[in-house]
Amino acid sequence: MRSKEQYYDQVLINRQLAGNPDITQCTCPNTLCDWHGKCRECVALHRYHGDHIPVCLQPIIRDELTKLAGTAEMLTVQKETTPVDYRHYVRRRDRENSSGT
């Protein structure tokens, strides 16, 4: 187990990292998503719905689960992604709804 001092040193490093826009920039490829760049809200919604984890975190977890599944002689299958046309549809419907009021 790490010491209090080691923990404190890690907190200081993390504070520096959290202030770096290259690290805190949203990495999700779904740039049309209403929550792109709003990671806190995105994660909260994923937790609430319990459907799946955010797209930006899936590669990290997938890599680890694939290794684990290989050990158990199992296969992993990637979930089908939401078509980008759906996101364009949301934008179009939002425009229609805002112009009709």
PDB file of N, CA and C in Angstrom:
ATOM      1  N   MET A   1       0.848  -1.184   0.000  1.00  0.00           N
ATOM      2  CA  MET A   1       0.000   0.000   0.000  1.00  0.00           C
ATOM      3  C   MET A   1       0.891   1.245   0.000  1.00  0.00           C
ATOM      4  N   ARG A   2       0.445   2.257  -0.705  1.00  0.00           N
ATOM      5  CA  ARG A   2       1.249   3.484  -0.750  1.00  0.00           C
ATOM      6  C   ARG A   2       1.066   4.299   0.525  1.00  0.00           C
ATOM      7  N   SER A   3       2.050   5.096   0.796  1.00  0.00           N
ATOM      8  CA  SER A   3       2.026   5.933   1.999  1.00  0.00           C
ATOM      9  C   SER A   3       1.172   7.178   1.750  1.00  0.00           C
ATOM     10  N   LYS A   4       0.884   7.906   2.826  1.00  0.00           N
ATOM     11  CA  LYS A   4       0.140   9.162   2.698  1.00  0.00           C
ATOM     12  C   LYS A   4       0.896  10.140   1.818  1.00  0.00           C
ATOM     13  N   GLU A   5       2.220  10.162   1.967  1.00  0.00           N
ATOM     14  CA  GLU A   5       3.048  11.083   1.173  1.00  0.00           C
ATOM     15  C   GLU A   5       2.999  10.721  -0.310  1.00  0.00           C
ATOM     16  N   GLN A   6       3.064   9.422  -0.613  1.00  0.00           N
ATOM     17  CA  GLN A   6       2.967   8.977  -2.006  1.00  0.00           C
ATOM     18  C   GLN A   6       1.595   9.343  -2.587  1.00  0.00           C
ATOM     19  N   TYR A   7       0.562   9.162  -1.786  1.00  0.00           N
ATOM     20  CA  TYR A   7      -0.785   9.526  -2.217  1.00  0.00           C
ATOM     21  C   TYR A   7      -0.869  11.024  -2.489  1.00  0.00           C
ATOM     22  N   TYR A   8      -0.320  11.828  -1.584  1.00  0.00           N
ATOM     23  CA  TYR A   8      -0.326  13.273  -1.761  1.00  0.00           C
ATOM     24  C   TYR A   8       0.407  13.673  -3.035  1.00  0.00           C
ATOM     25  N   ASP A   9       1.558  13.063  -3.278  1.00  0.00           N
ATOM     26  CA  ASP A   9       2.319  13.353  -4.498  1.00  0.00           C
ATOM     27  C   ASP A   9       1.489  13.031  -5.742  1.00  0.00           C
ATOM     28  N   GLN A  10       0.741  11.928  -5.701  1.00  0.00           N
ATOM     29  CA  GLN A  10      -0.101  11.566  -6.840  1.00  0.00           C
ATOM     30  C   GLN A  10      -1.238  12.569  -7.030  1.00  0.00           C
ATOM     31  N   VAL A  11      -1.788  13.062  -5.927  1.00  0.00           N
ATOM     32  CA  VAL A  11      -2.837  14.086  -6.009  1.00  0.00           C
ATOM     33  C   VAL A  11      -2.285  15.346  -6.681  1.00  0.00           C
ATOM     34  N   LEU A  12      -1.081  15.748  -6.314  1.00  0.00           N
ATOM     35  CA  LEU A  12      -0.471  16.930  -6.935  1.00  0.00           C
ATOM     36  C   LEU A  12      -0.279  16.728  -8.437  1.00  0.00           C
ATOM     37  N   ILE A  13       0.171  15.541  -8.828  1.00  0.00           N
ATOM     38  CA  ILE A  13       0.337  15.229 -10.249  1.00  0.00           C
ATOM     39  C   ILE A  13      -1.016  15.270 -10.955  1.00  0.00           C
ATOM     40  N   ASN A  14      -2.031  14.675 -10.341  1.00  0.00           N
ATOM     41  CA  ASN A  14      -3.360  14.656 -10.952  1.00  0.00           C
ATOM     42  C   ASN A  14      -3.941  16.050 -11.097  1.00  0.00           C
ATOM     43  N   ARG A  15      -3.666  16.919 -10.147  1.00  0.00           N
ATOM     44  CA  ARG A  15      -4.142  18.305 -10.258  1.00  0.00           C
ATOM     45  C   ARG A  15      -3.515  18.991 -11.459  1.00  0.00           C
ATOM     46  N   GLN A  16      -2.226  18.734 -11.681  1.00  0.00           N
ATOM     47  CA  GLN A  16      -1.565  19.302 -12.864  1.00  0.00           C
ATOM     48  C   GLN A  16      -2.181  18.739 -14.137  1.00  0.00           C
ATOM     49  N   LEU A  17      -2.372  17.441 -14.160  1.00  0.00           N
ATOM     50  CA  LEU A  17      -2.952  16.797 -15.342  1.00  0.00           C
ATOM     51  C   LEU A  17      -4.351  17.324 -15.629  1.00  0.00           C
ATOM     52  N   ALA A  18      -5.159  17.510 -14.590  1.00  0.00           N
ATOM     53  CA  ALA A  18      -6.523  17.998 -14.759  1.00  0.00           C
ATOM     54  C   ALA A  18      -6.564  19.416 -15.309  1.00  0.00           C
ATOM     55  N   GLY A  19      -5.486  20.153 -15.158  1.00  0.00           N
ATOM     56  CA  GLY A  19      -5.410  21.504 -15.701  1.00  0.00           C
ATOM     57  C   GLY A  19      -4.891  21.564 -17.128  1.00  0.00           C
ATOM     58  N   ASN A  20      -4.553  20.410 -17.688  1.00  0.00           N
ATOM     59  CA  ASN A  20      -3.997  20.351 -19.046  1.00  0.00           C
ATOM     60  C   ASN A  20      -5.118  20.073 -20.044  1.00  0.00           C
ATOM     61  N   PRO A  21      -5.437  21.032 -20.935  1.00  0.00           N
ATOM     62  CA  PRO A  21      -6.536  20.837 -21.884  1.00  0.00           C
ATOM     63  C   PRO A  21      -6.305  19.671 -22.851  1.00  0.00           C
ATOM     64  N   ASP A  22      -5.054  19.308 -23.095  1.00  0.00           N
ATOM     65  CA  ASP A  22      -4.796  18.156 -23.967  1.00  0.00           C
ATOM     66  C   ASP A  22      -5.285  16.859 -23.325  1.00  0.00           C
ATOM     67  N   ILE A  23      -5.274  16.819 -22.015  1.00  0.00           N
ATOM     68  CA  ILE A  23      -5.713  15.625 -21.293  1.00  0.00           C
ATOM     69  C   ILE A  23      -7.205  15.669 -21.006  1.00  0.00           C
ATOM     70  N   THR A  24      -7.738  16.848 -20.717  1.00  0.00           N
ATOM     71  CA  THR A  24      -9.145  16.953 -20.332  1.00  0.00           C
ATOM     72  C   THR A  24     -10.090  17.135 -21.513  1.00  0.00           C
ATOM     73  N   GLN A  25      -9.561  17.249 -22.713  1.00  0.00           N
ATOM     74  CA  GLN A  25     -10.406  17.386 -23.901  1.00  0.00           C
ATOM     75  C   GLN A  25     -11.211  16.108 -24.119  1.00  0.00           C
ATOM     76  N   CYS A  26     -12.468  16.245 -24.473  1.00  0.00           N
ATOM     77  CA  CYS A  26     -13.346  15.093 -24.708  1.00  0.00           C
ATOM     78  C   CYS A  26     -12.819  14.286 -25.898  1.00  0.00           C
ATOM     79  N   THR A  27     -12.624  12.986 -25.682  1.00  0.00           N
ATOM     80  CA  THR A  27     -12.078  12.120 -26.727  1.00  0.00           C
ATOM     81  C   THR A  27     -13.158  11.331 -27.458  1.00  0.00           C
ATOM     82  N   CYS A  28     -14.406  11.536 -27.102  1.00  0.00           N
ATOM     83  CA  CYS A  28     -15.485  10.772 -27.717  1.00  0.00           C
ATOM     84  C   CYS A  28     -15.598  11.129 -29.202  1.00  0.00           C
ATOM     85  N   PRO A  29     -15.690  10.109 -30.068  1.00  0.00           N
ATOM     86  CA  PRO A  29     -15.812  10.381 -31.492  1.00  0.00           C
ATOM     87  C   PRO A  29     -17.206  10.856 -31.902  1.00  0.00           C
ATOM     88  N   ASN A  30     -18.186  10.754 -31.003  1.00  0.00           N
ATOM     89  CA  ASN A  30     -19.551  11.184 -31.324  1.00  0.00           C
ATOM     90  C   ASN A  30     -19.695  12.688 -31.108  1.00  0.00           C
ATOM     91  N   THR A  31     -19.102  13.467 -32.007  1.00  0.00           N
ATOM     92  CA  THR A  31     -19.084  14.921 -31.828  1.00  0.00           C
ATOM     93  C   THR A  31     -20.454  15.553 -32.020  1.00  0.00           C
ATOM     94  N   LEU A  32     -21.398  14.846 -32.608  1.00  0.00           N
ATOM     95  CA  LEU A  32     -22.741  15.388 -32.771  1.00  0.00           C
ATOM     96  C   LEU A  32     -23.614  15.154 -31.536  1.00  0.00           C
ATOM     97  N   CYS A  33     -23.110  14.417 -30.577  1.00  0.00           N
ATOM     98  CA  CYS A  33     -23.863  14.107 -29.367  1.00  0.00           C
ATOM     99  C   CYS A  33     -24.113  15.385 -28.568  1.00  0.00           C
ATOM    100  N   ASP A  34     -25.293  15.498 -27.991  1.00  0.00           N
ATOM    101  CA  ASP A  34     -25.628  16.674 -27.174  1.00  0.00           C
ATOM    102  C   ASP A  34     -24.699  16.834 -25.978  1.00  0.00           C
ATOM    103  N   TRP A  35     -24.087  15.741 -25.534  1.00  0.00           N
ATOM    104  CA  TRP A  35     -23.259  15.779 -24.333  1.00  0.00           C
ATOM    105  C   TRP A  35     -21.766  15.715 -24.643  1.00  0.00           C
ATOM    106  N   HIS A  36     -21.388  15.868 -25.921  1.00  0.00           N
ATOM    107  CA  HIS A  36     -19.973  15.862 -26.286  1.00  0.00           C
ATOM    108  C   HIS A  36     -19.271  17.017 -25.574  1.00  0.00           C
ATOM    109  N   GLY A  37     -18.204  16.698 -24.873  1.00  0.00           N
ATOM    110  CA  GLY A  37     -17.461  17.708 -24.130  1.00  0.00           C
ATOM    111  C   GLY A  37     -18.033  17.985 -22.752  1.00  0.00           C
ATOM    112  N   LYS A  38     -19.162  17.392 -22.444  1.00  0.00           N
ATOM    113  CA  LYS A  38     -19.782  17.541 -21.120  1.00  0.00           C
ATOM    114  C   LYS A  38     -19.680  16.187 -20.416  1.00  0.00           C
ATOM    115  N   CYS A  39     -18.460  15.765 -20.165  1.00  0.00           N
ATOM    116  CA  CYS A  39     -18.182  14.402 -19.702  1.00  0.00           C
ATOM    117  C   CYS A  39     -18.890  14.062 -18.394  1.00  0.00           C
ATOM    118  N   ARG A  40     -18.961  15.000 -17.502  1.00  0.00           N
ATOM    119  CA  ARG A  40     -19.620  14.724 -16.213  1.00  0.00           C
ATOM    120  C   ARG A  40     -21.084  14.365 -16.438  1.00  0.00           C
ATOM    121  N   GLU A  41     -21.777  15.158 -17.270  1.00  0.00           N
ATOM    122  CA  GLU A  41     -23.176  14.871 -17.560  1.00  0.00           C
ATOM    123  C   GLU A  41     -23.315  13.557 -18.320  1.00  0.00           C
ATOM    124  N   CYS A  42     -22.427  13.317 -19.268  1.00  0.00           N
ATOM    125  CA  CYS A  42     -22.457  12.104 -20.078  1.00  0.00           C
ATOM    126  C   CYS A  42     -22.344  10.861 -19.189  1.00  0.00           C
ATOM    127  N   VAL A  43     -21.354  10.845 -18.329  1.00  0.00           N
ATOM    128  CA  VAL A  43     -21.147   9.694 -17.448  1.00  0.00           C
ATOM    129  C   VAL A  43     -22.348   9.526 -16.519  1.00  0.00           C
ATOM    130  N   ALA A  44     -22.881  10.625 -15.998  1.00  0.00           N
ATOM    131  CA  ALA A  44     -24.043  10.546 -15.111  1.00  0.00           C
ATOM    132  C   ALA A  44     -25.238   9.922 -15.832  1.00  0.00           C
ATOM    133  N   LEU A  45     -25.462  10.309 -17.075  1.00  0.00           N
ATOM    134  CA  LEU A  45     -26.575   9.747 -17.837  1.00  0.00           C
ATOM    135  C   LEU A  45     -26.358   8.262 -18.129  1.00  0.00           C
ATOM    136  N   HIS A  46     -25.145   7.896 -18.461  1.00  0.00           N
ATOM    137  CA  HIS A  46     -24.849   6.475 -18.701  1.00  0.00           C
ATOM    138  C   HIS A  46     -25.045   5.663 -17.424  1.00  0.00           C
ATOM    139  N   ARG A  47     -24.639   6.211 -16.304  1.00  0.00           N
ATOM    140  CA  ARG A  47     -24.846   5.514 -15.029  1.00  0.00           C
ATOM    141  C   ARG A  47     -26.331   5.367 -14.736  1.00  0.00           C
ATOM    142  N   TYR A  48     -27.084   6.437 -14.962  1.00  0.00           N
ATOM    143  CA  TYR A  48     -28.516   6.424 -14.673  1.00  0.00           C
ATOM    144  C   TYR A  48     -29.244   5.365 -15.507  1.00  0.00           C
ATOM    145  N   HIS A  49     -28.953   5.345 -16.805  1.00  0.00           N
ATOM    146  CA  HIS A  49     -29.641   4.413 -17.698  1.00  0.00           C
ATOM    147  C   HIS A  49     -29.084   2.995 -17.602  1.00  0.00           C
ATOM    148  N   GLY A  50     -27.848   2.857 -17.180  1.00  0.00           N
ATOM    149  CA  GLY A  50     -27.253   1.537 -17.024  1.00  0.00           C
ATOM    150  C   GLY A  50     -27.198   0.736 -18.310  1.00  0.00           C
ATOM    151  N   ASP A  51     -27.258   1.415 -19.441  1.00  0.00           N
ATOM    152  CA  ASP A  51     -27.291   0.735 -20.741  1.00  0.00           C
ATOM    153  C   ASP A  51     -25.913   0.258 -21.150  1.00  0.00           C
ATOM    154  N   HIS A  52     -24.960   1.154 -21.174  1.00  0.00           N
ATOM    155  CA  HIS A  52     -23.587   0.827 -21.539  1.00  0.00           C
ATOM    156  C   HIS A  52     -22.687   1.943 -21.054  1.00  0.00           C
ATOM    157  N   ILE A  53     -21.408   1.747 -21.201  1.00  0.00           N
ATOM    158  CA  ILE A  53     -20.473   2.782 -20.761  1.00  0.00           C
ATOM    159  C   ILE A  53     -20.260   3.787 -21.893  1.00  0.00           C
ATOM    160  N   PRO A  54     -19.846   5.002 -21.576  1.00  0.00           N
ATOM    161  CA  PRO A  54     -19.610   6.006 -22.615  1.00  0.00           C
ATOM    162  C   PRO A  54     -18.620   5.501 -23.671  1.00  0.00           C
ATOM    163  N   VAL A  55     -18.820   5.923 -24.904  1.00  0.00           N
ATOM    164  CA  VAL A  55     -17.993   5.471 -26.029  1.00  0.00           C
ATOM    165  C   VAL A  55     -16.509   5.739 -25.785  1.00  0.00           C
ATOM    166  N   CYS A  56     -16.181   6.851 -25.153  1.00  0.00           N
ATOM    167  CA  CYS A  56     -14.776   7.194 -24.934  1.00  0.00           C
ATOM    168  C   CYS A  56     -14.079   6.212 -23.998  1.00  0.00           C
ATOM    169  N   LEU A  57     -14.829   5.560 -23.115  1.00  0.00           N
ATOM    170  CA  LEU A  57     -14.231   4.619 -22.167  1.00  0.00           C
ATOM    171  C   LEU A  57     -14.242   3.177 -22.665  1.00  0.00           C
ATOM    172  N   GLN A  58     -15.016   2.903 -23.703  1.00  0.00           N
ATOM    173  CA  GLN A  58     -15.157   1.538 -24.181  1.00  0.00           C
ATOM    174  C   GLN A  58     -13.845   0.893 -24.622  1.00  0.00           C
ATOM    175  N   PRO A  59     -12.956   1.592 -25.364  1.00  0.00           N
ATOM    176  CA  PRO A  59     -11.702   0.928 -25.768  1.00  0.00           C
ATOM    177  C   PRO A  59     -10.852   0.467 -24.595  1.00  0.00           C
ATOM    178  N   ILE A  60     -10.808   1.244 -23.535  1.00  0.00           N
ATOM    179  CA  ILE A  60     -10.011   0.885 -22.357  1.00  0.00           C
ATOM    180  C   ILE A  60     -10.553  -0.405 -21.740  1.00  0.00           C
ATOM    181  N   ILE A  61     -11.848  -0.423 -21.525  1.00  0.00           N
ATOM    182  CA  ILE A  61     -12.471  -1.590 -20.895  1.00  0.00           C
ATOM    183  C   ILE A  61     -12.481  -2.779 -21.845  1.00  0.00           C
ATOM    184  N   ARG A  62     -12.737  -2.533 -23.128  1.00  0.00           N
ATOM    185  CA  ARG A  62     -12.759  -3.620 -24.110  1.00  0.00           C
ATOM    186  C   ARG A  62     -11.419  -4.342 -24.164  1.00  0.00           C
ATOM    187  N   ASP A  63     -10.330  -3.607 -24.153  1.00  0.00           N
ATOM    188  CA  ASP A  63      -9.000  -4.220 -24.201  1.00  0.00           C
ATOM    189  C   ASP A  63      -8.785  -5.147 -23.005  1.00  0.00           C
ATOM    190  N   GLU A  64      -9.161  -4.666 -21.827  1.00  0.00           N
ATOM    191  CA  GLU A  64      -8.975  -5.476 -20.624  1.00  0.00           C
ATOM    192  C   GLU A  64      -9.903  -6.691 -20.615  1.00  0.00           C
ATOM    193  N   LEU A  65     -11.159  -6.496 -21.028  1.00  0.00           N
ATOM    194  CA  LEU A  65     -12.098  -7.620 -21.053  1.00  0.00           C
ATOM    195  C   LEU A  65     -11.728  -8.650 -22.116  1.00  0.00           C
ATOM    196  N   THR A  66     -11.182  -8.180 -23.237  1.00  0.00           N
ATOM    197  CA  THR A  66     -10.755  -9.103 -24.287  1.00  0.00           C
ATOM    198  C   THR A  66      -9.632  -9.994 -23.776  1.00  0.00           C
ATOM    199  N   LYS A  67      -8.693  -9.406 -23.028  1.00  0.00           N
ATOM    200  CA  LYS A  67      -7.619 -10.203 -22.431  1.00  0.00           C
ATOM    201  C   LYS A  67      -8.189 -11.234 -21.466  1.00  0.00           C
ATOM    202  N   LEU A  68      -9.121 -10.792 -20.630  1.00  0.00           N
ATOM    203  CA  LEU A  68      -9.729 -11.685 -19.649  1.00  0.00           C
ATOM    204  C   LEU A  68     -10.539 -12.786 -20.340  1.00  0.00           C
ATOM    205  N   ALA A  69     -11.301 -12.423 -21.354  1.00  0.00           N
ATOM    206  CA  ALA A  69     -12.095 -13.411 -22.088  1.00  0.00           C
ATOM    207  C   ALA A  69     -11.183 -14.425 -22.767  1.00  0.00           C
ATOM    208  N   GLY A  70     -10.061 -13.981 -23.295  1.00  0.00           N
ATOM    209  CA  GLY A  70      -9.107 -14.897 -23.925  1.00  0.00           C
ATOM    210  C   GLY A  70      -8.582 -15.918 -22.942  1.00  0.00           C
ATOM    211  N   THR A  71      -8.367 -15.481 -21.711  1.00  0.00           N
ATOM    212  CA  THR A  71      -7.906 -16.400 -20.675  1.00  0.00           C
ATOM    213  C   THR A  71      -8.953 -17.476 -20.406  1.00  0.00           C
ATOM    214  N   ALA A  72     -10.232 -17.103 -20.492  1.00  0.00           N
ATOM    215  CA  ALA A  72     -11.323 -18.046 -20.252  1.00  0.00           C
ATOM    216  C   ALA A  72     -11.757 -18.736 -21.551  1.00  0.00           C
ATOM    217  N   GLU A  73     -10.974 -18.557 -22.612  1.00  0.00           N
ATOM    218  CA  GLU A  73     -11.260 -19.138 -23.930  1.00  0.00           C
ATOM    219  C   GLU A  73     -12.647 -18.735 -24.427  1.00  0.00           C
ATOM    220  N   MET A  74     -12.949 -17.447 -24.252  1.00  0.00           N
ATOM    221  CA  MET A  74     -14.215 -16.885 -24.709  1.00  0.00           C
ATOM    222  C   MET A  74     -13.915 -15.772 -25.708  1.00  0.00           C
ATOM    223  N   LEU A  75     -14.936 -15.330 -26.413  1.00  0.00           N
ATOM    224  CA  LEU A  75     -14.811 -14.244 -27.374  1.00  0.00           C
ATOM    225  C   LEU A  75     -15.626 -13.044 -26.909  1.00  0.00           C
ATOM    226  N   THR A  76     -15.202 -11.853 -27.327  1.00  0.00           N
ATOM    227  CA  THR A  76     -15.984 -10.654 -27.056  1.00  0.00           C
ATOM    228  C   THR A  76     -16.496 -10.117 -28.386  1.00  0.00           C
ATOM    229  N   VAL A  77     -17.674  -9.523 -28.350  1.00  0.00           N
ATOM    230  CA  VAL A  77     -18.276  -8.945 -29.549  1.00  0.00           C
ATOM    231  C   VAL A  77     -18.614  -7.496 -29.242  1.00  0.00           C
ATOM    232  N   GLN A  78     -18.221  -6.594 -30.136  1.00  0.00           N
ATOM    233  CA  GLN A  78     -18.479  -5.176 -29.934  1.00  0.00           C
ATOM    234  C   GLN A  78     -19.941  -4.866 -30.224  1.00  0.00           C
ATOM    235  N   LYS A  79     -20.561  -4.070 -29.358  1.00  0.00           N
ATOM    236  CA  LYS A  79     -21.949  -3.655 -29.521  1.00  0.00           C
ATOM    237  C   LYS A  79     -22.064  -2.735 -30.732  1.00  0.00           C
ATOM    238  N   GLU A  80     -23.153  -2.861 -31.446  1.00  0.00           N
ATOM    239  CA  GLU A  80     -23.402  -2.005 -32.612  1.00  0.00           C
ATOM    240  C   GLU A  80     -23.552  -0.555 -32.144  1.00  0.00           C
ATOM    241  N   THR A  81     -22.938   0.365 -32.866  1.00  0.00           N
ATOM    242  CA  THR A  81     -22.999   1.776 -32.485  1.00  0.00           C
ATOM    243  C   THR A  81     -24.260   2.427 -33.047  1.00  0.00           C
ATOM    244  N   THR A  82     -24.646   3.529 -32.429  1.00  0.00           N
ATOM    245  CA  THR A  82     -25.782   4.302 -32.920  1.00  0.00           C
ATOM    246  C   THR A  82     -25.393   4.964 -34.239  1.00  0.00           C
ATOM    247  N   PRO A  83     -26.200   4.786 -35.285  1.00  0.00           N
ATOM    248  CA  PRO A  83     -25.854   5.398 -36.573  1.00  0.00           C
ATOM    249  C   PRO A  83     -25.787   6.919 -36.477  1.00  0.00           C
ATOM    250  N   VAL A  84     -24.848   7.505 -37.182  1.00  0.00           N
ATOM    251  CA  VAL A  84     -24.682   8.957 -37.159  1.00  0.00           C
ATOM    252  C   VAL A  84     -25.936   9.640 -37.712  1.00  0.00           C
ATOM    253  N   ASP A  85     -26.668   8.955 -38.585  1.00  0.00           N
ATOM    254  CA  ASP A  85     -27.914   9.521 -39.114  1.00  0.00           C
ATOM    255  C   ASP A  85     -28.899   9.836 -37.984  1.00  0.00           C
ATOM    256  N   TYR A  86     -28.888   9.068 -36.910  1.00  0.00           N
ATOM    257  CA  TYR A  86     -29.774   9.316 -35.785  1.00  0.00           C
ATOM    258  C   TYR A  86     -29.443  10.659 -35.134  1.00  0.00           C
ATOM    259  N   ARG A  87     -28.169  10.973 -35.049  1.00  0.00           N
ATOM    260  CA  ARG A  87     -27.770  12.244 -34.440  1.00  0.00           C
ATOM    261  C   ARG A  87     -28.161  13.422 -35.332  1.00  0.00           C
ATOM    262  N   HIS A  88     -28.036  13.234 -36.653  1.00  0.00           N
ATOM    263  CA  HIS A  88     -28.505  14.268 -37.582  1.00  0.00           C
ATOM    264  C   HIS A  88     -30.017  14.435 -37.459  1.00  0.00           C
ATOM    265  N   TYR A  89     -30.738  13.340 -37.281  1.00  0.00           N
ATOM    266  CA  TYR A  89     -32.181  13.380 -37.107  1.00  0.00           C
ATOM    267  C   TYR A  89     -32.558  14.184 -35.865  1.00  0.00           C
ATOM    268  N   VAL A  90     -31.842  13.980 -34.775  1.00  0.00           N
ATOM    269  CA  VAL A  90     -32.097  14.735 -33.539  1.00  0.00           C
ATOM    270  C   VAL A  90     -31.899  16.222 -33.792  1.00  0.00           C
ATOM    271  N   ARG A  91     -30.826  16.566 -34.459  1.00  0.00           N
ATOM    272  CA  ARG A  91     -30.566  17.989 -34.767  1.00  0.00           C
ATOM    273  C   ARG A  91     -31.692  18.585 -35.609  1.00  0.00           C
ATOM    274  N   ARG A  92     -32.137  17.831 -36.632  1.00  0.00           N
ATOM    275  CA  ARG A  92     -33.199  18.316 -37.504  1.00  0.00           C
ATOM    276  C   ARG A  92     -34.492  18.498 -36.716  1.00  0.00           C
ATOM    277  N   ARG A  93     -34.827  17.527 -35.866  1.00  0.00           N
ATOM    278  CA  ARG A  93     -36.054  17.630 -35.066  1.00  0.00           C
ATOM    279  C   ARG A  93     -35.972  18.793 -34.082  1.00  0.00           C
ATOM    280  N   ASP A  94     -34.793  19.012 -33.506  1.00  0.00           N
ATOM    281  CA  ASP A  94     -34.615  20.152 -32.604  1.00  0.00           C
ATOM    282  C   ASP A  94     -34.865  21.463 -33.337  1.00  0.00           C
ATOM    283  N   ARG A  95     -34.339  21.578 -34.557  1.00  0.00           N
ATOM    284  CA  ARG A  95     -34.553  22.799 -35.351  1.00  0.00           C
ATOM    285  C   ARG A  95     -36.028  22.977 -35.658  1.00  0.00           C
ATOM    286  N   GLU A  96     -36.701  21.885 -36.053  1.00  0.00           N
ATOM    287  CA  GLU A  96     -38.133  21.953 -36.349  1.00  0.00           C
ATOM    288  C   GLU A  96     -38.933  22.390 -35.130  1.00  0.00           C
ATOM    289  N   ASN A  97     -38.602  21.829 -33.980  1.00  0.00           N
ATOM    290  CA  ASN A  97     -39.324  22.156 -32.757  1.00  0.00           C
ATOM    291  C   ASN A  97     -39.065  23.587 -32.302  1.00  0.00           C
ATOM    292  N   SER A  98     -37.862  24.090 -32.521  1.00  0.00           N
ATOM    293  CA  SER A  98     -37.556  25.457 -32.088  1.00  0.00           C
ATOM    294  C   SER A  98     -38.152  26.484 -33.047  1.00  0.00           C
ATOM    295  N   SER A  99     -38.303  26.132 -34.326  1.00  0.00           N
ATOM    296  CA  SER A  99     -38.867  27.082 -35.289  1.00  0.00           C
ATOM    297  C   SER A  99     -40.386  27.093 -35.227  1.00  0.00           C
ATOM    298  N   GLY A 100     -40.982  26.031 -34.679  1.00  0.00           N
ATOM    299  CA  GLY A 100     -42.435  25.933 -34.617  1.00  0.00           C
ATOM    300  C   GLY A 100     -43.034  26.562 -33.383  1.00  0.00           C
ATOM    301  N   THR A 101     -42.200  27.030 -32.479  1.00  0.00           N
ATOM    302  CA  THR A 101     -42.740  27.625 -31.238  1.00  0.00           C
ATOM    303  C   THR A 101     -42.709  29.115 -31.275  1.00  0.00           C
TER     304      THR A 101
END
